[in-house]
């Protein structure tokens, strides 16, 4: 009886020591930075080595299903005897369909040489027996209620009976791994949110456009970083509707309050352009706002954007000034052109009058010359004298034609030219030209 009592006491002490060990291991694993940060690969390597050494399990491995659940890949396999880590081994569902199906639907499975279920016997023959494994506990790793992998504890060439506490402990370890997967998703989401937030802040800084939210019931006004920069306020400084109105240029406050009151009752979005006092600067901003109402139709919150449009307004002002200056320049230039046109028309009229008067003055003596040459022909003349009179008459007529052309030019400029069509003899005109140029041509011979 004493021996049985001692055996029972030893058994209880062994169980208590095992519970303490399990509790300590779970605490230690839950505090691992790799698991908290979602570093699955590093976490798997730390866990397998820790559990293999502390539990004296010969082989501890962690596996993960692919997205299609057709294969498992080994994240880490620790062999205690050799103190080595192996990765990237695979197990195909096609080779062990029953084992895959069972692990996906159940929380754990025990495999040894006494296993009678088909999925257990197949796994024993295919994987455990060649390694000398005697018993294996496999616990499913769950994430969001779905099986994503498993952790296995194997003993090689020695017997081991799996107690309920060990099975529960194995499932707890699987839960810790599932939590690490959740942490990885959480870290990925957090990093994506931080990236998007940084991208949004950078985009707002480049575009000089911030956003805000106003809780009407609590009078709490929340600004983005760019909104703080636009208003020239230290980021994080608490804001209310009253503090916001303190930044608004005094002459623009009435318009903002009227818009706010009217649109909040109507429930309509609105856009307002106004000035603010940011430090020692006066800036133009464009604000767009929408309202949120409760079931009774009362406004409870609003949100919107604010854009710094100071450069745009300055540009528009410069453009307006330039347009005014341009109009003044156009008026001045038009006046100058009209004056120049009048001066040109006056000069042209004076020229036409001058040419007309001069032509008439020249025609009078030319007519006299032609008339005298005609009178001289009445007297007897020598052949030489007749030839000279012919040339004189011809030259006078030519000069008279030139004078008539000058008069025609004056008529053209005055818009009073009239064409007179009549027949002529080309040979006579050619002879006339030859007579005029004969003496000059003879001198060149």
Protein backbone atom coordinates (compact mmCIF):
# COMPACT_ATOMS: atom_id res chain seq x y z
CA UNK A 1 0.00 0.00 0.00
CA UNK A 2 2.86 2.36 0.82
CA UNK A 3 4.39 1.74 -2.60
CA UNK A 4 1.10 2.51 -4.32
CA UNK A 5 0.76 5.68 -2.28
CA UNK A 6 4.24 6.77 -3.22
CA UNK A 7 3.59 5.97 -6.84
CA UNK A 8 0.38 8.00 -6.75
CA UNK A 9 2.21 10.87 -5.07
CA UNK A 10 4.96 10.77 -7.63
CA UNK A 11 2.40 10.74 -10.39
CA UNK A 12 0.63 13.78 -8.93
CA UNK A 13 3.92 15.61 -8.53
CA UNK A 14 4.81 14.77 -12.10
CA UNK A 15 1.46 16.11 -13.29
CA UNK A 16 1.89 19.29 -11.24
CA UNK A 17 5.41 19.79 -12.57
CA UNK A 18 4.11 19.27 -16.07
CA UNK A 19 1.32 21.82 -15.55
CA UNK A 20 3.84 24.34 -14.22
CA UNK A 21 6.04 23.66 -17.24
CA UNK A 22 3.15 24.05 -19.63
CA UNK A 23 2.05 27.29 -17.95
CA UNK A 24 5.58 28.68 -18.07
CA UNK A 25 6.00 27.71 -21.73
CA UNK A 26 2.69 29.29 -22.72
CA UNK A 27 3.62 32.49 -20.87
CA UNK A 28 7.06 32.55 -22.47
CA UNK A 29 5.68 31.88 -25.95
CA UNK A 30 2.94 34.50 -25.60
CA UNK A 31 5.61 37.14 -24.84
CA UNK A 32 7.86 36.38 -27.79
CA UNK A 33 8.42 39.53 -29.88
CA UNK A 34 8.38 37.51 -33.09
CA UNK A 35 4.85 36.29 -32.38
CA UNK A 36 3.61 39.72 -31.31
CA UNK A 37 5.03 41.27 -34.49
CA UNK A 38 3.62 38.53 -36.72
CA UNK A 39 7.05 37.19 -37.78
CA UNK A 40 5.75 33.69 -38.48
CA UNK A 41 9.04 32.26 -39.76
CA UNK A 42 11.07 33.49 -36.78
CA UNK A 43 8.30 32.59 -34.35
CA UNK A 44 8.09 29.04 -35.71
CA UNK A 45 11.82 28.53 -35.34
CA UNK A 46 11.83 29.79 -31.74
CA UNK A 47 8.83 27.66 -30.74
CA UNK A 48 10.01 24.38 -32.21
CA UNK A 49 13.42 24.64 -30.57
CA UNK A 50 11.98 25.72 -27.22
CA UNK A 51 9.36 22.96 -27.15
CA UNK A 52 11.71 20.29 -28.42
CA UNK A 53 14.25 20.99 -25.68
CA UNK A 54 11.86 21.67 -22.80
CA UNK A 55 9.38 18.89 -23.56
CA UNK A 56 12.14 16.51 -24.72
CA UNK A 57 10.19 15.83 -27.89
CA UNK A 58 12.41 14.37 -30.60
CA UNK A 59 10.83 16.24 -33.53
CA UNK A 60 8.67 19.35 -33.38
CA UNK A 61 7.36 20.80 -36.61
CA UNK A 62 4.97 23.55 -37.78
CA UNK A 63 3.16 23.36 -41.11
CA UNK A 64 0.99 25.74 -43.09
CA UNK A 65 -1.65 25.04 -45.76
CA UNK A 66 -1.50 26.82 -49.10
CA UNK A 67 -4.47 28.92 -50.18
CA UNK A 68 -6.06 26.05 -52.09
CA UNK A 69 -5.61 23.63 -49.14
CA UNK A 70 -3.95 21.16 -51.49
CA UNK A 71 -0.52 21.17 -49.84
CA UNK A 72 1.21 21.86 -46.55
CA UNK A 73 4.62 23.49 -46.36
CA UNK A 74 6.91 23.10 -43.37
CA UNK A 75 7.63 26.44 -41.71
CA UNK A 76 10.17 24.81 -39.40
CA UNK A 77 11.20 21.30 -38.24
CA UNK A 78 13.43 21.01 -35.19
CA UNK A 79 15.28 17.72 -34.56
CA UNK A 80 16.35 17.66 -30.91
CA UNK A 81 19.09 15.05 -31.24
CA UNK A 82 20.86 16.89 -34.04
CA UNK A 83 19.71 20.36 -32.90
CA UNK A 84 18.95 21.31 -36.50
CA UNK A 85 16.20 23.28 -38.23
CA UNK A 86 14.73 22.35 -41.61
CA UNK A 87 12.21 24.25 -43.75
CA UNK A 88 10.32 24.23 -47.04
CA UNK A 89 9.45 20.50 -47.06
CA UNK A 90 6.01 19.84 -48.49
CA UNK A 91 3.20 17.35 -48.00
CA UNK A 92 0.63 16.95 -50.75
CA UNK A 93 -3.04 16.37 -50.14
CA UNK A 94 -3.14 13.96 -53.07
CA UNK A 95 -0.73 11.65 -51.19
CA UNK A 96 -2.62 11.77 -47.88
CA UNK A 97 -6.21 12.84 -48.66
CA UNK A 98 -7.76 11.23 -45.58
CA UNK A 99 -5.20 12.75 -43.21
CA UNK A 100 -5.75 16.22 -44.72
CA UNK A 101 -9.53 15.91 -44.46
CA UNK A 102 -9.36 14.81 -40.84
CA UNK A 103 -6.96 17.55 -39.69
CA UNK A 104 -8.96 20.26 -41.45
CA UNK A 105 -12.17 19.20 -39.67
CA UNK A 106 -10.77 18.14 -36.26
CA UNK A 107 -8.71 19.84 -33.57
CA UNK A 108 -6.09 17.14 -33.06
CA UNK A 109 -5.01 13.66 -34.08
CA UNK A 110 -2.75 11.03 -32.42
CA UNK A 111 -0.85 8.59 -34.62
CA UNK A 112 1.16 5.54 -33.46
CA UNK A 113 1.62 1.87 -34.30
CA UNK A 114 -1.71 1.10 -32.60
CA UNK A 115 -3.70 3.46 -34.88
CA UNK A 116 -6.58 1.75 -36.63
CA UNK A 117 -8.23 4.60 -38.50
CA UNK A 118 -7.37 4.74 -42.25
CA UNK A 119 -6.03 8.30 -42.12
CA UNK A 120 -3.77 7.40 -39.20
CA UNK A 121 -2.49 4.13 -40.65
CA UNK A 122 -1.66 5.79 -44.00
CA UNK A 123 0.36 8.53 -42.31
CA UNK A 124 2.13 6.00 -40.09
CA UNK A 125 3.26 3.93 -43.03
CA UNK A 126 4.20 6.87 -45.28
CA UNK A 127 6.03 9.21 -42.87
CA UNK A 128 6.45 8.01 -39.30
CA UNK A 129 7.69 4.45 -39.71
CA UNK A 130 10.62 5.40 -42.03
CA UNK A 131 11.77 7.94 -39.40
CA UNK A 132 11.47 5.52 -36.49
CA UNK A 133 8.64 7.53 -34.96
CA UNK A 134 6.67 5.82 -32.26
CA UNK A 135 3.94 8.36 -31.56
CA UNK A 136 2.81 11.74 -32.92
CA UNK A 137 0.42 14.40 -31.66
CA UNK A 138 -0.81 16.80 -34.37
CA UNK A 139 -2.86 19.84 -33.35
CA UNK A 140 -4.63 22.04 -35.90
CA UNK A 141 -3.75 25.73 -36.05
CA UNK A 142 -6.84 27.88 -36.38
CA UNK A 143 -7.12 31.50 -37.53
CA UNK A 144 -10.50 33.22 -37.61
CA UNK A 145 -12.09 29.82 -37.07
CA UNK A 146 -10.41 28.26 -40.11
CA UNK A 147 -7.68 25.60 -40.16
CA UNK A 148 -4.50 27.13 -41.62
CA UNK A 149 -1.90 24.59 -40.54
CA UNK A 150 -0.75 22.24 -37.79
CA UNK A 151 1.93 21.63 -35.17
CA UNK A 152 3.33 18.16 -34.55
CA UNK A 153 5.12 16.62 -31.57
CA UNK A 154 6.88 13.33 -32.38
CA UNK A 155 8.78 10.85 -30.23
CA UNK A 156 11.28 8.56 -31.95
CA UNK A 157 12.27 5.04 -30.84
CA UNK A 158 10.66 5.44 -27.42
CA UNK A 159 7.21 5.08 -26.00
CA UNK A 160 5.06 8.00 -24.87
CA UNK A 161 1.46 8.15 -23.75
CA UNK A 162 -0.38 11.40 -24.52
CA UNK A 163 -2.34 12.64 -21.54
CA UNK A 164 -5.29 15.01 -21.75
CA UNK A 165 -3.16 17.83 -20.28
CA UNK A 166 -0.60 17.40 -23.03
CA UNK A 167 -3.27 17.41 -25.72
CA UNK A 168 -4.78 20.59 -24.23
CA UNK A 169 -1.32 22.13 -24.04
CA UNK A 170 -0.64 21.25 -27.68
CA UNK A 171 -3.90 22.92 -28.71
CA UNK A 172 -2.94 26.00 -26.66
CA UNK A 173 0.37 26.20 -28.51
CA UNK A 174 -1.51 25.91 -31.81
CA UNK A 175 -3.70 28.80 -30.64
CA UNK A 176 -0.60 30.89 -29.92
CA UNK A 177 0.59 30.25 -33.47
CA UNK A 178 -2.87 31.19 -34.78
CA UNK A 179 -2.63 34.42 -32.79
CA UNK A 180 0.74 35.12 -34.43
CA UNK A 181 -0.93 34.74 -37.83
CA UNK A 182 -3.59 37.21 -36.71
CA UNK A 183 -0.84 39.54 -35.54
CA UNK A 184 0.78 39.27 -38.97
CA UNK A 185 -2.49 40.26 -40.60
CA UNK A 186 -2.89 43.05 -38.07
CA UNK A 187 0.64 44.30 -38.70
CA UNK A 188 0.09 44.17 -42.45
CA UNK A 189 -3.13 46.15 -42.09
CA UNK A 190 -1.45 48.59 -39.72
CA UNK A 191 1.46 49.10 -42.09
CA UNK A 192 -0.93 49.58 -45.00
CA UNK A 193 -2.91 52.12 -42.97
CA UNK A 194 0.27 53.95 -42.01
CA UNK A 195 1.40 53.93 -45.61
CA UNK A 196 -1.97 55.24 -46.76
CA UNK A 197 -1.94 57.85 -44.00
CA UNK A 198 1.55 58.98 -45.00
CA UNK A 199 0.48 59.04 -48.64
CA UNK A 200 -2.64 61.06 -47.76
CA UNK A 201 -0.66 63.51 -45.63
CA UNK A 202 1.91 63.95 -48.40
CA UNK A 203 -0.80 64.42 -51.03
CA UNK A 204 -2.56 66.99 -48.84
CA UNK A 205 0.72 68.79 -48.23
CA UNK A 206 1.48 68.96 -51.96
CA UNK A 207 -2.05 70.06 -52.90
CA UNK A 208 -2.35 72.33 -49.83
CA UNK A 209 -5.68 70.71 -49.00
CA UNK A 210 -6.60 69.48 -45.52
CA UNK A 211 -9.68 67.79 -44.10
CA UNK A 212 -11.63 68.19 -40.89
CA UNK A 213 -14.52 66.77 -38.86
CA UNK A 214 -16.77 68.64 -36.46
CA UNK A 215 -18.88 66.97 -33.77
CA UNK A 216 -21.65 69.47 -33.18
CA UNK A 217 -22.86 67.89 -29.93
CA UNK A 218 -19.43 67.93 -28.25
CA UNK A 219 -18.15 71.03 -30.08
CA UNK A 220 -15.01 69.04 -30.96
CA UNK A 221 -13.25 70.04 -34.19
CA UNK A 222 -10.72 67.54 -35.56
CA UNK A 223 -8.13 68.70 -38.10
CA UNK A 224 -5.69 66.82 -40.30
CA UNK A 225 -2.01 67.79 -40.18
CA UNK A 226 -2.29 69.86 -43.35
CA UNK A 227 -5.27 71.79 -41.93
CA UNK A 228 -3.11 72.74 -38.95
CA UNK A 229 -0.38 73.90 -41.33
CA UNK A 230 -2.84 75.97 -43.38
CA UNK A 231 -4.11 77.75 -40.26
CA UNK A 232 -0.57 78.13 -38.91
CA UNK A 233 -1.32 76.20 -35.69
CA UNK A 234 0.81 73.62 -33.92
CA UNK A 235 -0.34 70.12 -34.86
CA UNK A 236 -2.49 68.53 -32.17
CA UNK A 237 -3.78 71.76 -30.63
CA UNK A 238 -7.44 71.18 -29.57
CA UNK A 239 -9.95 73.08 -31.70
CA UNK A 240 -13.59 74.16 -31.30
CA UNK A 241 -16.02 76.10 -33.47
CA UNK A 242 -15.18 79.26 -31.50
CA UNK A 243 -11.43 78.83 -31.95
CA UNK A 244 -11.99 78.26 -35.68
CA UNK A 245 -14.04 81.45 -35.97
CA UNK A 246 -11.18 83.25 -34.25
CA UNK A 247 -9.01 82.51 -37.30
CA UNK A 248 -11.59 83.79 -39.78
CA UNK A 249 -11.00 87.29 -41.14
CA UNK A 250 -13.43 89.62 -39.30
CA UNK A 251 -15.14 90.87 -42.47
CA UNK A 252 -15.89 87.28 -43.59
CA UNK A 253 -17.36 85.89 -40.35
CA UNK A 254 -20.94 86.97 -41.02
CA UNK A 255 -21.02 85.19 -44.39
CA UNK A 256 -19.69 81.94 -42.89
CA UNK A 257 -22.21 81.93 -40.01
CA UNK A 258 -25.09 82.61 -42.41
CA UNK A 259 -24.00 79.79 -44.73
CA UNK A 260 -23.46 77.41 -41.82
CA UNK A 261 -26.85 78.13 -40.25
CA UNK A 262 -28.79 77.93 -43.50
CA UNK A 263 -27.13 74.84 -44.96
CA UNK A 264 -27.14 72.87 -41.69
CA UNK A 265 -30.91 73.27 -41.46
CA UNK A 266 -31.40 72.40 -45.13
CA UNK A 267 -28.96 69.52 -44.90
CA UNK A 268 -27.23 70.68 -48.06
CA UNK A 269 -23.47 70.71 -48.71
CA UNK A 270 -21.92 74.10 -49.33
CA UNK A 271 -18.72 75.74 -50.50
CA UNK A 272 -17.46 79.04 -49.12
CA UNK A 273 -14.44 81.15 -50.07
CA UNK A 274 -13.07 83.36 -47.30
CA UNK A 275 -9.96 84.72 -45.65
CA UNK A 276 -8.20 83.60 -42.49
CA UNK A 277 -5.54 85.12 -40.29
CA UNK A 278 -2.68 82.62 -39.99
CA UNK A 279 -0.05 84.15 -37.73
CA UNK A 280 0.93 87.41 -39.40
CA UNK A 281 -0.42 86.35 -42.81
CA UNK A 282 -3.82 86.72 -44.42
CA UNK A 283 -4.67 83.67 -46.51
CA UNK A 284 -7.54 82.74 -48.80
CA UNK A 285 -9.13 79.33 -48.23
CA UNK A 286 -11.90 77.41 -49.96
CA UNK A 287 -13.95 75.17 -47.67
CA UNK A 288 -16.35 72.41 -48.73
CA UNK A 289 -18.66 70.91 -46.15
CA UNK A 290 -21.36 68.26 -45.76
CA UNK A 291 -23.62 67.52 -42.79
CA UNK A 292 -24.66 64.38 -40.93
CA UNK A 293 -28.14 64.30 -39.38
CA UNK A 294 -29.84 62.12 -36.82
CA UNK A 295 -33.17 60.35 -37.36
CA UNK A 296 -35.06 63.52 -36.44
CA UNK A 297 -33.18 65.49 -39.09
CA UNK A 298 -31.07 67.47 -36.65
CA UNK A 299 -27.44 68.12 -37.66
CA UNK A 300 -25.06 66.20 -35.40
CA UNK A 301 -21.76 66.44 -37.29
CA UNK A 302 -20.12 67.82 -40.37
CA UNK A 303 -16.98 67.08 -42.29
CA UNK A 304 -15.21 68.65 -45.19
CA UNK A 305 -12.01 69.93 -46.76
CA UNK A 306 -10.11 73.20 -46.67
CA UNK A 307 -7.76 74.27 -49.47
CA UNK A 308 -5.23 77.10 -49.37
CA UNK A 309 -6.02 79.11 -52.53
CA UNK A 310 -3.96 82.18 -51.66
CA UNK A 311 -1.68 81.76 -54.69
CA UNK A 312 -4.70 81.33 -56.94
CA UNK A 313 -6.39 84.46 -55.60
CA UNK A 314 -3.17 86.47 -55.93
CA UNK A 315 -2.82 85.24 -59.50
CA UNK A 316 -6.41 86.21 -60.29
CA UNK A 317 -5.81 89.64 -58.81
CA UNK A 318 -2.65 90.08 -60.88
CA UNK A 319 -4.56 88.89 -63.94
CA UNK A 320 -7.34 91.38 -63.26
CA UNK A 321 -4.82 94.21 -62.91
CA UNK A 322 -3.12 93.11 -66.10
CA UNK A 323 -6.44 93.03 -67.94
CA UNK A 324 -7.20 96.56 -66.78
CA UNK A 325 -3.76 97.70 -67.86
CA UNK A 326 -4.20 95.89 -71.17
CA UNK A 327 -7.52 97.61 -71.76
CA UNK A 328 -5.90 100.96 -71.05
CA UNK A 329 -3.09 100.08 -73.46
CA UNK A 330 -5.60 99.05 -76.13
CA UNK A 331 -7.55 102.29 -75.74
CA UNK A 332 -4.35 104.34 -75.89
CA UNK A 333 -3.05 102.41 -78.87
CA UNK A 334 -6.39 102.69 -80.66
CA UNK A 335 -6.36 106.44 -80.14
CA UNK A 336 -2.82 106.64 -81.52
CA UNK A 337 -3.77 104.53 -84.52
CA UNK A 338 -6.85 106.62 -85.26
CA UNK A 339 -4.75 109.79 -85.06
CA UNK A 340 -2.09 108.23 -87.31
CA UNK A 341 -4.82 107.18 -89.74
CA UNK A 342 -6.24 110.69 -89.85
CA UNK A 343 -2.75 112.13 -90.34
CA UNK A 344 -2.06 109.64 -93.15
CA UNK A 345 -5.35 110.42 -94.83
CA UNK A 346 -4.66 114.17 -94.59
CA UNK A 347 -1.15 113.69 -96.01
CA UNK A 348 -2.54 111.53 -98.80
CA UNK A 349 -5.15 114.12 -99.67
CA UNK A 350 -2.51 116.85 -99.66
CA UNK A 351 -0.33 114.74 -101.95
CA UNK A 352 -3.22 114.11 -104.32
CA UNK A 353 -4.10 117.81 -104.36
CA UNK A 354 -0.46 118.67 -104.97
CA UNK A 355 -0.15 116.22 -107.87
CA UNK A 356 -3.39 117.43 -109.37
CA UNK A 357 -2.40 121.07 -109.14
CA UNK A 358 1.10 120.44 -110.44
CA UNK A 359 -0.21 118.34 -113.31
CA UNK A 360 -2.57 121.11 -114.37
CA UNK A 361 0.21 123.67 -114.06
CA UNK A 362 2.53 121.58 -116.24
CA UNK A 363 -0.13 120.84 -118.84
CA UNK A 364 -0.59 124.55 -119.59
CA UNK A 365 2.94 125.14 -120.98
CA UNK A 366 2.93 121.71 -122.63
CA UNK A 367 -0.23 122.59 -124.53
CA UNK A 368 1.45 125.84 -125.55
CA UNK A 369 4.51 123.95 -126.86
CA UNK A 370 2.34 121.53 -128.83
CA UNK A 371 0.25 124.39 -130.18
CA UNK A 372 3.32 126.44 -131.27
CA UNK A 373 4.85 123.40 -133.00
CA UNK A 374 1.61 123.03 -134.91
CA UNK A 375 1.68 126.73 -135.94
CA UNK A 376 5.33 126.51 -137.06
CA UNK A 377 4.40 123.71 -139.47
CA UNK A 378 2.33 126.24 -141.49
CA UNK A 379 5.49 127.98 -142.66
CA UNK A 380 7.78 126.45 -145.27
CA UNK A 381 10.32 124.20 -143.50
CA UNK A 382 13.29 122.21 -144.49
CA UNK A 383 13.29 118.47 -144.08
CA UNK A 384 15.65 118.82 -141.13
CA UNK A 385 13.33 121.29 -139.41
CA UNK A 386 10.29 119.04 -139.99
CA UNK A 387 12.10 116.09 -138.43
CA UNK A 388 13.02 118.23 -135.42
CA UNK A 389 9.44 119.48 -135.08
CA UNK A 390 8.19 115.87 -135.26
CA UNK A 391 10.50 114.87 -132.41
CA UNK A 392 9.53 117.98 -130.45
CA UNK A 393 5.85 117.22 -130.91
CA UNK A 394 6.37 113.57 -130.10
CA UNK A 395 8.26 114.37 -126.87
CA UNK A 396 5.67 116.91 -125.85
CA UNK A 397 2.86 114.42 -126.40
CA UNK A 398 4.78 111.77 -124.41
CA UNK A 399 5.25 114.22 -121.56
CA UNK A 400 1.59 115.06 -121.73
CA UNK A 401 0.75 111.32 -121.43
CA UNK A 402 2.93 111.13 -118.33
CA UNK A 403 1.10 114.09 -116.82
CA UNK A 404 -2.20 112.38 -117.59
CA UNK A 405 -0.95 109.21 -115.89
CA UNK A 406 -0.09 111.25 -112.81
CA UNK A 407 -3.60 112.62 -112.81
CA UNK A 408 -4.95 109.08 -113.21
CA UNK A 409 -2.90 108.00 -110.17
CA UNK A 410 -4.46 110.78 -108.14
CA UNK A 411 -7.89 109.66 -109.27
CA UNK A 412 -7.10 106.04 -108.28
CA UNK A 413 -6.05 107.10 -104.76
CA UNK A 414 -9.17 109.24 -104.50
CA UNK A 415 -11.34 106.33 -105.77
CA UNK A 416 -12.58 108.35 -108.78
CA UNK A 417 -10.75 106.58 -111.61
CA UNK A 418 -12.84 105.69 -114.67
CA UNK A 419 -11.50 103.44 -117.42
CA UNK A 420 -11.84 104.59 -121.05
CA UNK A 421 -11.52 101.75 -123.59
CA UNK A 422 -10.68 102.64 -127.22
CA UNK A 423 -8.89 101.11 -130.22
CA UNK A 424 -5.27 101.91 -131.15
CA UNK A 425 -2.64 100.85 -133.66
CA UNK A 426 0.27 99.01 -132.06
CA UNK A 427 2.63 99.87 -134.97
CA UNK A 428 2.02 103.57 -134.48
CA UNK A 429 2.82 103.27 -130.77
CA UNK A 430 5.99 101.31 -131.55
CA UNK A 431 7.07 103.92 -134.14
CA UNK A 432 6.48 106.65 -131.60
CA UNK A 433 8.70 104.95 -129.06
CA UNK A 434 11.39 104.37 -131.67
CA UNK A 435 11.37 108.04 -132.68
CA UNK A 436 11.73 109.11 -129.07
CA UNK A 437 14.68 106.81 -128.45
CA UNK A 438 16.38 106.96 -131.86
CA UNK A 439 18.81 109.82 -131.05
CA UNK A 440 19.85 108.25 -127.74
CA UNK A 441 20.34 104.90 -129.41
CA UNK A 442 22.41 106.51 -132.22
CA UNK A 443 24.77 108.01 -129.67
CA UNK A 444 25.54 104.52 -128.34
CA UNK A 445 26.66 103.24 -131.73
